[in-house]
N, C-alpha and C. Protein backbone atom coordinates (compact mmCIF):
# COMPACT_ATOMS: atom_id res chain seq x y z
N MET A 1 41.50 -4.20 -24.06
CA MET A 1 42.73 -3.72 -23.45
C MET A 1 42.42 -2.68 -22.37
N GLU A 2 41.51 -1.76 -22.68
CA GLU A 2 41.19 -0.71 -21.72
C GLU A 2 40.62 -1.30 -20.43
N LYS A 3 39.67 -2.24 -20.58
CA LYS A 3 39.05 -2.86 -19.41
C LYS A 3 40.09 -3.65 -18.61
N PHE A 4 40.95 -4.38 -19.29
CA PHE A 4 41.99 -5.15 -18.60
C PHE A 4 42.92 -4.22 -17.84
N HIS A 5 43.35 -3.15 -18.48
CA HIS A 5 44.26 -2.19 -17.85
C HIS A 5 43.60 -1.53 -16.63
N THR A 6 42.31 -1.24 -16.72
CA THR A 6 41.59 -0.65 -15.59
C THR A 6 41.46 -1.65 -14.44
N THR A 7 41.17 -2.91 -14.78
CA THR A 7 41.00 -3.96 -13.77
C THR A 7 42.32 -4.33 -13.11
N TYR A 8 43.40 -4.34 -13.89
CA TYR A 8 44.72 -4.74 -13.39
C TYR A 8 45.75 -3.65 -13.71
N PRO A 9 45.65 -2.49 -13.05
CA PRO A 9 46.54 -1.36 -13.40
C PRO A 9 48.02 -1.63 -13.12
N GLY A 10 48.32 -2.59 -12.26
CA GLY A 10 49.72 -2.87 -11.94
C GLY A 10 50.41 -3.80 -12.91
N ILE A 11 49.66 -4.39 -13.82
CA ILE A 11 50.26 -5.32 -14.78
C ILE A 11 50.73 -4.55 -16.00
N LYS A 12 52.02 -4.69 -16.28
CA LYS A 12 52.62 -4.01 -17.44
C LYS A 12 52.58 -4.95 -18.63
N LEU A 13 52.03 -4.48 -19.72
CA LEU A 13 51.98 -5.26 -20.95
C LEU A 13 53.02 -4.72 -21.93
N ASN A 14 53.76 -5.63 -22.53
CA ASN A 14 54.69 -5.26 -23.59
C ASN A 14 54.05 -5.73 -24.89
N ILE A 15 53.64 -4.80 -25.73
CA ILE A 15 52.90 -5.11 -26.95
C ILE A 15 53.86 -5.14 -28.14
N LEU A 16 53.88 -6.24 -28.85
CA LEU A 16 54.65 -6.38 -30.08
C LEU A 16 53.67 -6.52 -31.23
N ASN A 17 53.98 -5.91 -32.35
CA ASN A 17 53.11 -5.99 -33.52
C ASN A 17 53.82 -6.76 -34.62
N GLY A 18 53.08 -7.58 -35.32
CA GLY A 18 53.67 -8.32 -36.43
C GLY A 18 52.64 -9.17 -37.13
N THR A 19 53.10 -9.86 -38.16
CA THR A 19 52.23 -10.80 -38.86
C THR A 19 52.04 -12.01 -37.96
N THR A 20 51.11 -12.87 -38.32
CA THR A 20 50.87 -14.09 -37.55
C THR A 20 52.15 -14.93 -37.47
N LEU A 21 52.87 -15.03 -38.56
CA LEU A 21 54.13 -15.78 -38.56
C LEU A 21 55.14 -15.16 -37.61
N GLU A 22 55.25 -13.84 -37.63
CA GLU A 22 56.18 -13.15 -36.72
C GLU A 22 55.76 -13.32 -35.27
N ILE A 23 54.46 -13.21 -35.01
CA ILE A 23 53.96 -13.37 -33.63
C ILE A 23 54.23 -14.78 -33.14
N SER A 24 54.01 -15.78 -34.00
CA SER A 24 54.32 -17.17 -33.63
C SER A 24 55.79 -17.31 -33.25
N GLU A 25 56.65 -16.66 -34.00
CA GLU A 25 58.09 -16.72 -33.70
C GLU A 25 58.41 -15.97 -32.39
N PHE A 26 57.73 -14.86 -32.13
CA PHE A 26 57.91 -14.14 -30.86
C PHE A 26 57.60 -15.08 -29.69
N ILE A 27 56.52 -15.83 -29.83
CA ILE A 27 56.10 -16.74 -28.76
C ILE A 27 57.11 -17.87 -28.61
N LYS A 28 57.51 -18.49 -29.70
CA LYS A 28 58.43 -19.63 -29.63
C LYS A 28 59.83 -19.23 -29.16
N SER A 29 60.21 -17.98 -29.41
CA SER A 29 61.54 -17.52 -28.98
C SER A 29 61.53 -16.98 -27.56
N GLY A 30 60.35 -16.86 -26.95
CA GLY A 30 60.26 -16.35 -25.59
C GLY A 30 60.11 -14.84 -25.50
N ARG A 31 60.04 -14.14 -26.62
CA ARG A 31 59.86 -12.69 -26.60
C ARG A 31 58.44 -12.30 -26.19
N ALA A 32 57.49 -13.25 -26.36
CA ALA A 32 56.10 -12.98 -25.99
C ALA A 32 55.52 -14.23 -25.32
N ASP A 33 54.68 -14.00 -24.32
CA ASP A 33 53.99 -15.11 -23.66
C ASP A 33 52.81 -15.60 -24.47
N ILE A 34 52.09 -14.64 -25.03
CA ILE A 34 50.88 -14.96 -25.80
C ILE A 34 50.83 -14.06 -27.03
N GLY A 35 50.01 -14.44 -27.97
CA GLY A 35 49.81 -13.62 -29.16
C GLY A 35 48.36 -13.67 -29.58
N ILE A 36 47.94 -12.64 -30.26
CA ILE A 36 46.61 -12.61 -30.88
C ILE A 36 46.87 -12.65 -32.37
N CYS A 37 46.38 -13.71 -33.01
CA CYS A 37 46.75 -14.01 -34.40
C CYS A 37 45.54 -14.27 -35.27
N ASN A 38 45.77 -14.11 -36.56
CA ASN A 38 44.79 -14.53 -37.56
C ASN A 38 44.87 -16.03 -37.70
N LEU A 39 43.74 -16.69 -37.64
CA LEU A 39 43.68 -18.13 -37.78
C LEU A 39 43.24 -18.48 -39.20
N PRO A 40 43.53 -19.63 -39.70
CA PRO A 40 44.06 -20.79 -38.98
C PRO A 40 45.58 -20.75 -38.85
N ILE A 41 46.07 -21.42 -37.80
CA ILE A 41 47.50 -21.63 -37.59
C ILE A 41 47.71 -23.13 -37.44
N GLN A 42 48.64 -23.64 -38.20
CA GLN A 42 49.00 -25.05 -38.11
C GLN A 42 50.41 -25.12 -37.53
N ASP A 43 50.51 -25.17 -36.22
CA ASP A 43 51.81 -25.24 -35.55
C ASP A 43 51.65 -26.11 -34.31
N GLU A 44 52.26 -27.25 -34.30
CA GLU A 44 52.13 -28.22 -33.22
C GLU A 44 52.62 -27.69 -31.88
N GLN A 45 53.48 -26.67 -31.88
CA GLN A 45 54.02 -26.13 -30.63
C GLN A 45 53.05 -25.17 -29.94
N LEU A 46 52.06 -24.70 -30.67
CA LEU A 46 51.18 -23.66 -30.14
C LEU A 46 49.79 -24.18 -29.78
N GLN A 47 49.32 -23.70 -28.64
CA GLN A 47 47.93 -23.87 -28.25
C GLN A 47 47.18 -22.70 -28.87
N VAL A 48 46.09 -22.98 -29.55
CA VAL A 48 45.33 -21.93 -30.24
C VAL A 48 43.90 -21.94 -29.73
N ILE A 49 43.43 -20.77 -29.31
CA ILE A 49 42.06 -20.62 -28.82
C ILE A 49 41.34 -19.60 -29.69
N PRO A 50 40.41 -20.04 -30.55
CA PRO A 50 39.65 -19.08 -31.35
C PRO A 50 38.83 -18.16 -30.45
N CYS A 51 38.80 -16.87 -30.78
CA CYS A 51 38.11 -15.90 -29.93
C CYS A 51 37.00 -15.14 -30.65
N LYS A 52 37.22 -14.82 -31.92
CA LYS A 52 36.25 -13.97 -32.61
C LYS A 52 36.24 -14.32 -34.09
N GLU A 53 35.02 -14.46 -34.63
CA GLU A 53 34.89 -14.66 -36.07
C GLU A 53 35.07 -13.34 -36.79
N VAL A 54 35.75 -13.39 -37.93
CA VAL A 54 35.95 -12.20 -38.75
C VAL A 54 35.63 -12.52 -40.19
N GLN A 55 35.31 -11.48 -40.95
CA GLN A 55 34.92 -11.62 -42.35
C GLN A 55 35.88 -10.84 -43.24
N ASP A 56 36.47 -11.51 -44.21
CA ASP A 56 37.30 -10.84 -45.21
C ASP A 56 36.38 -10.26 -46.27
N ILE A 57 36.61 -9.00 -46.61
CA ILE A 57 35.80 -8.30 -47.61
C ILE A 57 36.71 -7.47 -48.51
N PHE A 58 36.14 -6.91 -49.56
CA PHE A 58 36.85 -5.95 -50.40
C PHE A 58 36.23 -4.59 -50.18
N VAL A 59 37.08 -3.57 -50.12
CA VAL A 59 36.61 -2.19 -49.92
C VAL A 59 37.24 -1.28 -50.98
N CYS A 60 36.55 -0.17 -51.22
CA CYS A 60 37.04 0.80 -52.20
C CYS A 60 36.75 2.22 -51.72
N GLY A 61 37.41 3.15 -52.36
CA GLY A 61 37.17 4.57 -52.12
C GLY A 61 36.16 5.11 -53.13
N GLU A 62 36.03 6.41 -53.14
CA GLU A 62 35.04 7.10 -53.97
C GLU A 62 35.19 6.77 -55.46
N LYS A 63 36.42 6.67 -55.95
CA LYS A 63 36.67 6.43 -57.38
C LYS A 63 36.01 5.14 -57.88
N TYR A 64 35.96 4.12 -57.02
CA TYR A 64 35.42 2.82 -57.42
C TYR A 64 34.05 2.54 -56.80
N LYS A 65 33.40 3.57 -56.29
CA LYS A 65 32.12 3.40 -55.59
C LYS A 65 31.06 2.74 -56.46
N ASN A 66 31.15 2.89 -57.78
CA ASN A 66 30.17 2.26 -58.67
C ASN A 66 30.16 0.73 -58.52
N LEU A 67 31.26 0.15 -58.01
CA LEU A 67 31.32 -1.30 -57.80
C LEU A 67 30.38 -1.75 -56.68
N THR A 68 29.88 -0.81 -55.90
CA THR A 68 29.04 -1.17 -54.76
C THR A 68 27.55 -1.19 -55.10
N GLU A 69 27.21 -0.90 -56.35
CA GLU A 69 25.80 -0.81 -56.75
C GLU A 69 25.12 -2.16 -56.79
N ARG A 70 25.88 -3.22 -57.08
CA ARG A 70 25.32 -4.58 -57.12
C ARG A 70 26.45 -5.56 -56.84
N PRO A 71 26.12 -6.77 -56.41
CA PRO A 71 27.18 -7.75 -56.15
C PRO A 71 27.99 -8.05 -57.40
N VAL A 72 29.31 -8.21 -57.21
CA VAL A 72 30.21 -8.48 -58.34
C VAL A 72 30.85 -9.85 -58.16
N SER A 73 31.28 -10.40 -59.27
CA SER A 73 31.95 -11.71 -59.24
C SER A 73 33.42 -11.53 -58.87
N PHE A 74 34.02 -12.63 -58.43
CA PHE A 74 35.45 -12.59 -58.16
C PHE A 74 36.24 -12.32 -59.44
N GLU A 75 35.79 -12.91 -60.55
CA GLU A 75 36.48 -12.70 -61.82
C GLU A 75 36.53 -11.21 -62.15
N TYR A 76 35.43 -10.51 -61.89
CA TYR A 76 35.38 -9.08 -62.18
C TYR A 76 36.30 -8.29 -61.25
N ILE A 77 36.20 -8.57 -59.97
CA ILE A 77 37.00 -7.80 -59.00
C ILE A 77 38.50 -8.04 -59.19
N LEU A 78 38.86 -9.24 -59.64
CA LEU A 78 40.28 -9.54 -59.83
C LEU A 78 40.88 -8.80 -61.03
N ARG A 79 40.05 -8.17 -61.86
CA ARG A 79 40.55 -7.34 -62.96
C ARG A 79 40.83 -5.90 -62.51
N MET A 80 40.45 -5.58 -61.29
CA MET A 80 40.67 -4.24 -60.72
C MET A 80 42.09 -4.16 -60.15
N PRO A 81 42.59 -2.94 -59.93
CA PRO A 81 43.88 -2.82 -59.22
C PRO A 81 43.67 -3.25 -57.76
N LEU A 82 44.29 -4.35 -57.38
CA LEU A 82 44.08 -4.92 -56.05
C LEU A 82 45.17 -4.52 -55.07
N ILE A 83 44.75 -4.39 -53.82
CA ILE A 83 45.66 -4.06 -52.73
C ILE A 83 45.51 -5.16 -51.69
N PHE A 84 46.58 -5.89 -51.45
CA PHE A 84 46.58 -7.01 -50.50
C PHE A 84 47.71 -6.85 -49.51
N LEU A 85 47.60 -7.59 -48.42
CA LEU A 85 48.74 -7.70 -47.52
C LEU A 85 49.86 -8.44 -48.23
N GLU A 86 51.05 -8.37 -47.65
CA GLU A 86 52.22 -9.04 -48.21
C GLU A 86 51.98 -10.55 -48.30
N GLU A 87 52.74 -11.19 -49.17
CA GLU A 87 52.68 -12.64 -49.28
C GLU A 87 53.02 -13.28 -47.94
N ASN A 88 52.48 -14.45 -47.73
CA ASN A 88 52.73 -15.27 -46.54
C ASN A 88 52.15 -14.72 -45.25
N THR A 89 51.26 -13.72 -45.34
CA THR A 89 50.49 -13.34 -44.16
C THR A 89 49.26 -14.24 -44.11
N ASN A 90 48.83 -14.59 -42.92
CA ASN A 90 47.70 -15.52 -42.79
C ASN A 90 46.44 -15.02 -43.48
N SER A 91 46.16 -13.72 -43.35
CA SER A 91 44.96 -13.17 -43.98
C SER A 91 45.02 -13.34 -45.49
N ARG A 92 46.14 -13.01 -46.07
CA ARG A 92 46.26 -13.14 -47.53
C ARG A 92 46.21 -14.61 -47.95
N LEU A 93 46.93 -15.47 -47.24
CA LEU A 93 46.95 -16.88 -47.58
C LEU A 93 45.55 -17.48 -47.54
N TYR A 94 44.75 -17.06 -46.56
CA TYR A 94 43.39 -17.57 -46.44
C TYR A 94 42.55 -17.20 -47.67
N VAL A 95 42.59 -15.92 -48.05
CA VAL A 95 41.79 -15.46 -49.20
C VAL A 95 42.34 -16.06 -50.49
N GLU A 96 43.66 -16.10 -50.62
CA GLU A 96 44.27 -16.69 -51.83
C GLU A 96 43.86 -18.15 -51.99
N SER A 97 43.88 -18.90 -50.90
CA SER A 97 43.51 -20.30 -50.93
C SER A 97 42.04 -20.46 -51.37
N PHE A 98 41.17 -19.63 -50.83
CA PHE A 98 39.76 -19.64 -51.20
C PHE A 98 39.60 -19.39 -52.70
N LEU A 99 40.32 -18.40 -53.22
CA LEU A 99 40.21 -18.07 -54.64
C LEU A 99 40.83 -19.16 -55.52
N LYS A 100 41.94 -19.74 -55.09
CA LYS A 100 42.58 -20.82 -55.86
C LYS A 100 41.65 -22.02 -55.99
N GLU A 101 40.86 -22.29 -54.95
CA GLU A 101 39.88 -23.39 -55.02
C GLU A 101 38.87 -23.16 -56.14
N ARG A 102 38.72 -21.92 -56.56
CA ARG A 102 37.79 -21.56 -57.64
C ARG A 102 38.53 -21.33 -58.95
N GLY A 103 39.81 -21.70 -58.97
CA GLY A 103 40.62 -21.55 -60.19
C GLY A 103 41.06 -20.13 -60.46
N LEU A 104 41.06 -19.29 -59.44
CA LEU A 104 41.41 -17.87 -59.60
C LEU A 104 42.73 -17.55 -58.91
N GLN A 105 43.45 -16.60 -59.48
CA GLN A 105 44.73 -16.20 -58.91
C GLN A 105 44.78 -14.68 -58.83
N ILE A 106 45.35 -14.17 -57.75
CA ILE A 106 45.44 -12.71 -57.59
C ILE A 106 46.79 -12.22 -58.11
N SER A 107 46.76 -10.97 -58.54
CA SER A 107 47.99 -10.28 -58.96
C SER A 107 47.88 -8.84 -58.46
N PRO A 108 48.20 -8.63 -57.18
CA PRO A 108 47.99 -7.30 -56.60
C PRO A 108 48.84 -6.21 -57.23
N ALA A 109 48.26 -5.03 -57.31
CA ALA A 109 49.01 -3.85 -57.72
C ALA A 109 49.90 -3.37 -56.58
N PHE A 110 49.42 -3.59 -55.34
CA PHE A 110 50.17 -3.21 -54.14
C PHE A 110 50.12 -4.34 -53.14
N GLU A 111 51.25 -4.60 -52.48
CA GLU A 111 51.35 -5.58 -51.40
C GLU A 111 51.92 -4.83 -50.20
N LEU A 112 51.13 -4.71 -49.16
CA LEU A 112 51.47 -3.84 -48.04
C LEU A 112 51.65 -4.62 -46.75
N GLY A 113 52.28 -3.99 -45.77
CA GLY A 113 52.64 -4.66 -44.53
C GLY A 113 51.67 -4.47 -43.39
N SER A 114 50.61 -3.68 -43.57
CA SER A 114 49.69 -3.49 -42.45
C SER A 114 48.27 -3.26 -42.96
N HIS A 115 47.33 -3.63 -42.11
CA HIS A 115 45.91 -3.44 -42.42
C HIS A 115 45.60 -1.95 -42.57
N ASP A 116 46.19 -1.12 -41.73
CA ASP A 116 45.95 0.32 -41.82
C ASP A 116 46.34 0.88 -43.19
N LEU A 117 47.46 0.39 -43.73
CA LEU A 117 47.87 0.85 -45.06
C LEU A 117 46.89 0.40 -46.14
N LEU A 118 46.33 -0.81 -46.01
CA LEU A 118 45.32 -1.26 -46.97
C LEU A 118 44.16 -0.26 -47.01
N LEU A 119 43.69 0.12 -45.84
CA LEU A 119 42.57 1.06 -45.74
C LEU A 119 42.93 2.41 -46.35
N GLU A 120 44.10 2.91 -46.04
CA GLU A 120 44.51 4.23 -46.54
C GLU A 120 44.73 4.23 -48.06
N PHE A 121 45.32 3.17 -48.60
CA PHE A 121 45.52 3.10 -50.05
C PHE A 121 44.18 3.07 -50.77
N SER A 122 43.20 2.37 -50.22
CA SER A 122 41.86 2.39 -50.83
C SER A 122 41.21 3.75 -50.68
N ARG A 123 41.39 4.35 -49.53
CA ARG A 123 40.79 5.66 -49.28
C ARG A 123 41.26 6.69 -50.30
N ILE A 124 42.54 6.60 -50.69
CA ILE A 124 43.06 7.57 -51.67
C ILE A 124 42.94 7.04 -53.11
N ASN A 125 42.08 6.03 -53.27
CA ASN A 125 41.68 5.54 -54.59
C ASN A 125 42.77 4.88 -55.42
N LEU A 126 43.68 4.18 -54.76
CA LEU A 126 44.73 3.46 -55.48
C LEU A 126 44.29 2.06 -55.90
N GLY A 127 43.11 1.63 -55.45
CA GLY A 127 42.61 0.33 -55.84
C GLY A 127 41.61 -0.22 -54.85
N ILE A 128 41.37 -1.52 -54.96
CA ILE A 128 40.40 -2.23 -54.13
C ILE A 128 41.19 -3.08 -53.14
N SER A 129 40.93 -2.91 -51.85
CA SER A 129 41.66 -3.65 -50.82
C SER A 129 40.86 -4.81 -50.27
N CYS A 130 41.56 -5.89 -49.97
CA CYS A 130 40.99 -7.01 -49.25
C CYS A 130 41.34 -6.82 -47.79
N VAL A 131 40.32 -6.65 -46.95
CA VAL A 131 40.52 -6.31 -45.54
C VAL A 131 39.61 -7.16 -44.66
N VAL A 132 39.85 -7.09 -43.37
CA VAL A 132 38.96 -7.72 -42.39
C VAL A 132 37.89 -6.68 -42.02
N LYS A 133 36.64 -7.04 -42.25
CA LYS A 133 35.53 -6.10 -42.03
C LYS A 133 35.53 -5.54 -40.61
N GLU A 134 35.69 -6.42 -39.62
CA GLU A 134 35.61 -5.99 -38.22
C GLU A 134 36.69 -4.98 -37.85
N PHE A 135 37.81 -4.98 -38.57
CA PHE A 135 38.90 -4.04 -38.31
C PHE A 135 38.77 -2.78 -39.16
N SER A 136 37.74 -2.72 -39.99
CA SER A 136 37.57 -1.62 -40.94
C SER A 136 36.32 -0.80 -40.69
N MET A 137 35.60 -1.12 -39.62
CA MET A 137 34.28 -0.51 -39.40
C MET A 137 34.33 1.00 -39.25
N ASP A 138 35.38 1.56 -38.68
CA ASP A 138 35.46 3.01 -38.55
C ASP A 138 35.41 3.67 -39.94
N TYR A 139 36.18 3.15 -40.87
CA TYR A 139 36.19 3.70 -42.23
C TYR A 139 34.83 3.50 -42.92
N LEU A 140 34.25 2.33 -42.74
CA LEU A 140 32.96 2.03 -43.37
C LEU A 140 31.84 2.87 -42.76
N ASP A 141 31.82 2.96 -41.43
CA ASP A 141 30.77 3.73 -40.75
C ASP A 141 30.84 5.21 -41.08
N ARG A 142 32.04 5.74 -41.26
CA ARG A 142 32.20 7.17 -41.58
C ARG A 142 31.97 7.45 -43.07
N GLY A 143 31.79 6.40 -43.87
CA GLY A 143 31.57 6.60 -45.30
C GLY A 143 32.83 6.98 -46.05
N VAL A 144 33.98 6.69 -45.46
CA VAL A 144 35.26 6.98 -46.11
C VAL A 144 35.59 5.87 -47.11
N LEU A 145 35.19 4.65 -46.78
CA LEU A 145 35.34 3.49 -47.66
C LEU A 145 33.99 2.81 -47.82
N TYR A 146 33.89 2.02 -48.90
CA TYR A 146 32.65 1.33 -49.21
C TYR A 146 32.93 -0.15 -49.41
N GLU A 147 32.05 -0.99 -48.88
CA GLU A 147 32.20 -2.42 -49.06
C GLU A 147 31.72 -2.81 -50.45
N VAL A 148 32.54 -3.58 -51.15
CA VAL A 148 32.17 -4.12 -52.44
C VAL A 148 31.48 -5.46 -52.17
N LYS A 149 30.20 -5.52 -52.45
CA LYS A 149 29.45 -6.77 -52.23
C LYS A 149 29.83 -7.78 -53.29
N LEU A 150 30.02 -9.01 -52.84
CA LEU A 150 30.43 -10.08 -53.73
C LEU A 150 29.26 -11.02 -54.00
N GLU A 151 29.28 -11.66 -55.16
CA GLU A 151 28.25 -12.65 -55.48
C GLU A 151 28.34 -13.84 -54.53
N GLU A 152 29.55 -14.12 -54.05
CA GLU A 152 29.78 -15.20 -53.10
C GLU A 152 30.70 -14.66 -52.00
N GLU A 153 30.26 -14.77 -50.76
CA GLU A 153 31.08 -14.29 -49.65
C GLU A 153 32.25 -15.23 -49.39
N ILE A 154 33.35 -14.65 -48.96
CA ILE A 154 34.49 -15.43 -48.49
C ILE A 154 34.07 -15.99 -47.13
N PRO A 155 34.29 -17.28 -46.87
CA PRO A 155 33.87 -17.84 -45.58
C PRO A 155 34.54 -17.11 -44.40
N MET A 156 33.79 -17.01 -43.32
CA MET A 156 34.34 -16.37 -42.12
C MET A 156 35.46 -17.24 -41.55
N ARG A 157 36.33 -16.60 -40.81
CA ARG A 157 37.42 -17.29 -40.13
C ARG A 157 37.54 -16.68 -38.75
N ASN A 158 38.56 -17.03 -38.00
CA ASN A 158 38.71 -16.54 -36.63
C ASN A 158 40.03 -15.84 -36.41
N ILE A 159 40.01 -14.99 -35.40
CA ILE A 159 41.26 -14.56 -34.78
C ILE A 159 41.28 -15.26 -33.43
N GLY A 160 42.46 -15.45 -32.89
CA GLY A 160 42.53 -16.18 -31.64
C GLY A 160 43.81 -15.92 -30.87
N ILE A 161 43.83 -16.50 -29.70
CA ILE A 161 44.98 -16.37 -28.79
C ILE A 161 45.85 -17.60 -28.97
N CYS A 162 47.16 -17.37 -28.98
CA CYS A 162 48.12 -18.46 -29.14
C CYS A 162 49.17 -18.35 -28.04
N TYR A 163 49.60 -19.53 -27.56
CA TYR A 163 50.72 -19.58 -26.63
C TYR A 163 51.33 -20.98 -26.71
N LEU A 164 52.52 -21.13 -26.16
CA LEU A 164 53.20 -22.42 -26.22
C LEU A 164 52.43 -23.46 -25.44
N LYS A 165 52.28 -24.65 -26.03
CA LYS A 165 51.55 -25.74 -25.38
C LYS A 165 52.25 -26.23 -24.11
N ASP A 166 53.54 -26.37 -24.16
CA ASP A 166 54.27 -27.02 -23.08
C ASP A 166 54.88 -26.07 -22.07
N VAL A 167 54.49 -24.80 -22.11
CA VAL A 167 55.02 -23.81 -21.18
C VAL A 167 53.85 -23.15 -20.46
N GLN A 168 53.91 -23.16 -19.14
CA GLN A 168 52.84 -22.52 -18.37
C GLN A 168 52.98 -21.00 -18.50
N ILE A 169 51.89 -20.34 -18.89
CA ILE A 169 51.95 -18.88 -19.01
C ILE A 169 51.81 -18.25 -17.63
N SER A 170 52.29 -17.03 -17.51
CA SER A 170 52.24 -16.32 -16.24
C SER A 170 50.80 -16.06 -15.81
N GLN A 171 50.63 -15.77 -14.55
CA GLN A 171 49.30 -15.46 -14.03
C GLN A 171 48.73 -14.23 -14.73
N ALA A 172 49.58 -13.23 -14.97
CA ALA A 172 49.13 -12.01 -15.66
C ALA A 172 48.65 -12.34 -17.07
N ALA A 173 49.43 -13.16 -17.80
CA ALA A 173 49.04 -13.54 -19.16
C ALA A 173 47.75 -14.36 -19.12
N ARG A 174 47.62 -15.23 -18.14
CA ARG A 174 46.41 -16.06 -18.01
C ARG A 174 45.19 -15.16 -17.78
N ARG A 175 45.33 -14.16 -16.92
CA ARG A 175 44.21 -13.26 -16.68
C ARG A 175 43.85 -12.46 -17.94
N PHE A 176 44.86 -12.09 -18.71
CA PHE A 176 44.61 -11.38 -19.95
C PHE A 176 43.85 -12.28 -20.92
N VAL A 177 44.27 -13.53 -21.05
CA VAL A 177 43.58 -14.49 -21.92
C VAL A 177 42.13 -14.66 -21.46
N GLU A 178 41.94 -14.83 -20.16
CA GLU A 178 40.58 -15.00 -19.61
C GLU A 178 39.72 -13.78 -19.90
N SER A 179 40.30 -12.58 -19.85
CA SER A 179 39.52 -11.36 -20.10
C SER A 179 39.07 -11.27 -21.54
N ILE A 180 39.84 -11.85 -22.45
CA ILE A 180 39.47 -11.83 -23.86
C ILE A 180 38.45 -12.93 -24.16
N ILE A 181 38.68 -14.12 -23.63
CA ILE A 181 37.82 -15.27 -23.91
C ILE A 181 36.42 -15.05 -23.37
N CYS A 182 36.30 -14.35 -22.27
CA CYS A 182 35.00 -14.14 -21.64
C CYS A 182 34.10 -13.21 -22.44
N LYS A 183 34.61 -12.56 -23.44
CA LYS A 183 33.80 -11.59 -24.20
C LYS A 183 32.90 -12.27 -25.17
């Protein structure tokens, strides 16, 4: 964003925040030209361009730091107080689907509306959060949160750019997409 704004200072961006489902609706309703979403997305109306691989992980605060001493099983971690995003968010659906394939079901203690809240609830020791590692590096690097190593990693997935297939996006939106894809 910073590089794009510096390169094109005259282009005004209107930023909307929401879940992948909400962002898809913003695009389809015309409120947004493009969106950056958690993939996968199955929507015939949208063109989807994967941009970056991300890894779903579990993190904890100081109270649960003993969980980081050795890799743990999903069965074990699912007995902990879990903190997940709200139902029907792409990130949660992806992890839930992965666990269901192994015959496991989650029962979160907390269901929250933002990734930032997941990090903060773990930081204050309310439980173990399922988060995207790449969006959590500040907390991990500062030693505020700790990654819980799993016996089996959750497969990586992508975030990507989405826009309507049958509608030509503006030149400004196209340049923004190009600036992200080139990275």
